[in-house]
């Protein structure tokens, strides 16, 4: 019986890029410049999104977790 992994909401292009990076890491092949560009642009966008979010209050998270 085959096991199927479902990636709910995952962008197929992102999954393909992750797969390509994993193959690069295992095979020790050069990274395609286009792949490198896409990954860096995506990382820049995500970093900018995170900068617009309010900071996470770690102490509150720990306190709330202990009360549960």
C-alpha atoms as a PDB file:
ATOM      1  CA  UNK A   1       0.000   0.000   0.000  1.00  0.00           C
ATOM      2  CA  UNK A   2       1.456   3.368  -1.023  1.00  0.00           C
ATOM      3  CA  UNK A   3       1.617   6.182   1.499  1.00  0.00           C
ATOM      4  CA  UNK A   4       0.369   9.492   0.192  1.00  0.00           C
ATOM      5  CA  UNK A   5       1.534  12.751   1.738  1.00  0.00           C
ATOM      6  CA  UNK A   6      -0.886  15.639   1.427  1.00  0.00           C
ATOM      7  CA  UNK A   7       0.381  19.203   1.602  1.00  0.00           C
ATOM      8  CA  UNK A   8      -2.790  21.151   2.211  1.00  0.00           C
ATOM      9  CA  UNK A   9      -2.406  24.634   0.840  1.00  0.00           C
ATOM     10  CA  UNK A  10       1.243  24.208  -0.150  1.00  0.00           C
ATOM     11  CA  UNK A  11       2.179  25.955  -3.384  1.00  0.00           C
ATOM     12  CA  UNK A  12       3.336  23.344  -5.945  1.00  0.00           C
ATOM     13  CA  UNK A  13       6.160  25.674  -7.075  1.00  0.00           C
ATOM     14  CA  UNK A  14       7.423  25.946  -3.489  1.00  0.00           C
ATOM     15  CA  UNK A  15       7.320  22.163  -3.117  1.00  0.00           C
ATOM     16  CA  UNK A  16       9.201  21.732  -6.399  1.00  0.00           C
ATOM     17  CA  UNK A  17      11.845  24.225  -5.262  1.00  0.00           C
ATOM     18  CA  UNK A  18      12.248  22.405  -1.931  1.00  0.00           C
ATOM     19  CA  UNK A  19      12.636  19.127  -3.796  1.00  0.00           C
ATOM     20  CA  UNK A  20      15.261  20.656  -6.091  1.00  0.00           C
ATOM     21  CA  UNK A  21      17.186  22.054  -3.119  1.00  0.00           C
ATOM     22  CA  UNK A  22      17.083  18.697  -1.363  1.00  0.00           C
ATOM     23  CA  UNK A  23      18.409  16.971  -4.495  1.00  0.00           C
ATOM     24  CA  UNK A  24      21.162  19.608  -4.691  1.00  0.00           C
ATOM     25  CA  UNK A  25      22.126  18.954  -1.063  1.00  0.00           C
ATOM     26  CA  UNK A  26      22.206  15.181  -1.522  1.00  0.00           C
ATOM     27  CA  UNK A  27      23.867  15.092  -4.947  1.00  0.00           C
ATOM     28  CA  UNK A  28      26.147  18.089  -4.295  1.00  0.00           C
ATOM     29  CA  UNK A  29      25.292  19.585  -7.662  1.00  0.00           C
ATOM     30  CA  UNK A  30      25.375  23.306  -8.468  1.00  0.00           C
ATOM     31  CA  UNK A  31      22.188  25.233  -7.699  1.00  0.00           C
ATOM     32  CA  UNK A  32      20.350  26.474 -10.758  1.00  0.00           C
ATOM     33  CA  UNK A  33      20.589  30.308 -10.781  1.00  0.00           C
ATOM     34  CA  UNK A  34      16.845  30.621 -11.452  1.00  0.00           C
ATOM     35  CA  UNK A  35      16.048  28.389  -8.476  1.00  0.00           C
ATOM     36  CA  UNK A  36      18.426  30.430  -6.324  1.00  0.00           C
ATOM     37  CA  UNK A  37      16.729  33.669  -7.426  1.00  0.00           C
ATOM     38  CA  UNK A  38      13.210  32.347  -6.710  1.00  0.00           C
ATOM     39  CA  UNK A  39      14.130  31.049  -3.274  1.00  0.00           C
ATOM     40  CA  UNK A  40      15.857  34.297  -2.316  1.00  0.00           C
ATOM     41  CA  UNK A  41      12.952  36.423  -3.541  1.00  0.00           C
ATOM     42  CA  UNK A  42      10.488  34.258  -1.612  1.00  0.00           C
ATOM     43  CA  UNK A  43      12.628  34.531   1.528  1.00  0.00           C
ATOM     44  CA  UNK A  44      12.788  38.330   1.146  1.00  0.00           C
ATOM     45  CA  UNK A  45       8.987  38.539   0.822  1.00  0.00           C
ATOM     46  CA  UNK A  46       8.436  36.356   3.888  1.00  0.00           C
ATOM     47  CA  UNK A  47      10.976  38.343   5.897  1.00  0.00           C
ATOM     48  CA  UNK A  48       9.190  41.569   5.012  1.00  0.00           C
ATOM     49  CA  UNK A  49       5.825  40.058   5.994  1.00  0.00           C
ATOM     50  CA  UNK A  50       7.246  39.031   9.352  1.00  0.00           C
ATOM     51  CA  UNK A  51       8.595  42.537   9.930  1.00  0.00           C
ATOM     52  CA  UNK A  52       5.075  43.944   9.623  1.00  0.00           C
ATOM     53  CA  UNK A  53       3.704  41.591  12.300  1.00  0.00           C
ATOM     54  CA  UNK A  54       3.678  42.532  15.973  1.00  0.00           C
ATOM     55  CA  UNK A  55       6.420  40.848  18.002  1.00  0.00           C
ATOM     56  CA  UNK A  56       5.654  37.558  19.699  1.00  0.00           C
ATOM     57  CA  UNK A  57       5.486  37.768  23.489  1.00  0.00           C
ATOM     58  CA  UNK A  58       7.393  34.610  24.465  1.00  0.00           C
ATOM     59  CA  UNK A  59       6.771  35.121  28.188  1.00  0.00           C
ATOM     60  CA  UNK A  60       3.004  35.286  27.604  1.00  0.00           C
ATOM     61  CA  UNK A  61       3.106  32.137  25.460  1.00  0.00           C
ATOM     62  CA  UNK A  62       4.978  30.243  28.173  1.00  0.00           C
ATOM     63  CA  UNK A  63       2.651  31.561  30.880  1.00  0.00           C
ATOM     64  CA  UNK A  64      -0.455  30.585  28.889  1.00  0.00           C
ATOM     65  CA  UNK A  65       0.958  27.126  28.140  1.00  0.00           C
ATOM     66  CA  UNK A  66       1.629  26.491  31.823  1.00  0.00           C
ATOM     67  CA  UNK A  67      -1.928  27.464  32.765  1.00  0.00           C
ATOM     68  CA  UNK A  68      -3.498  24.931  30.389  1.00  0.00           C
END
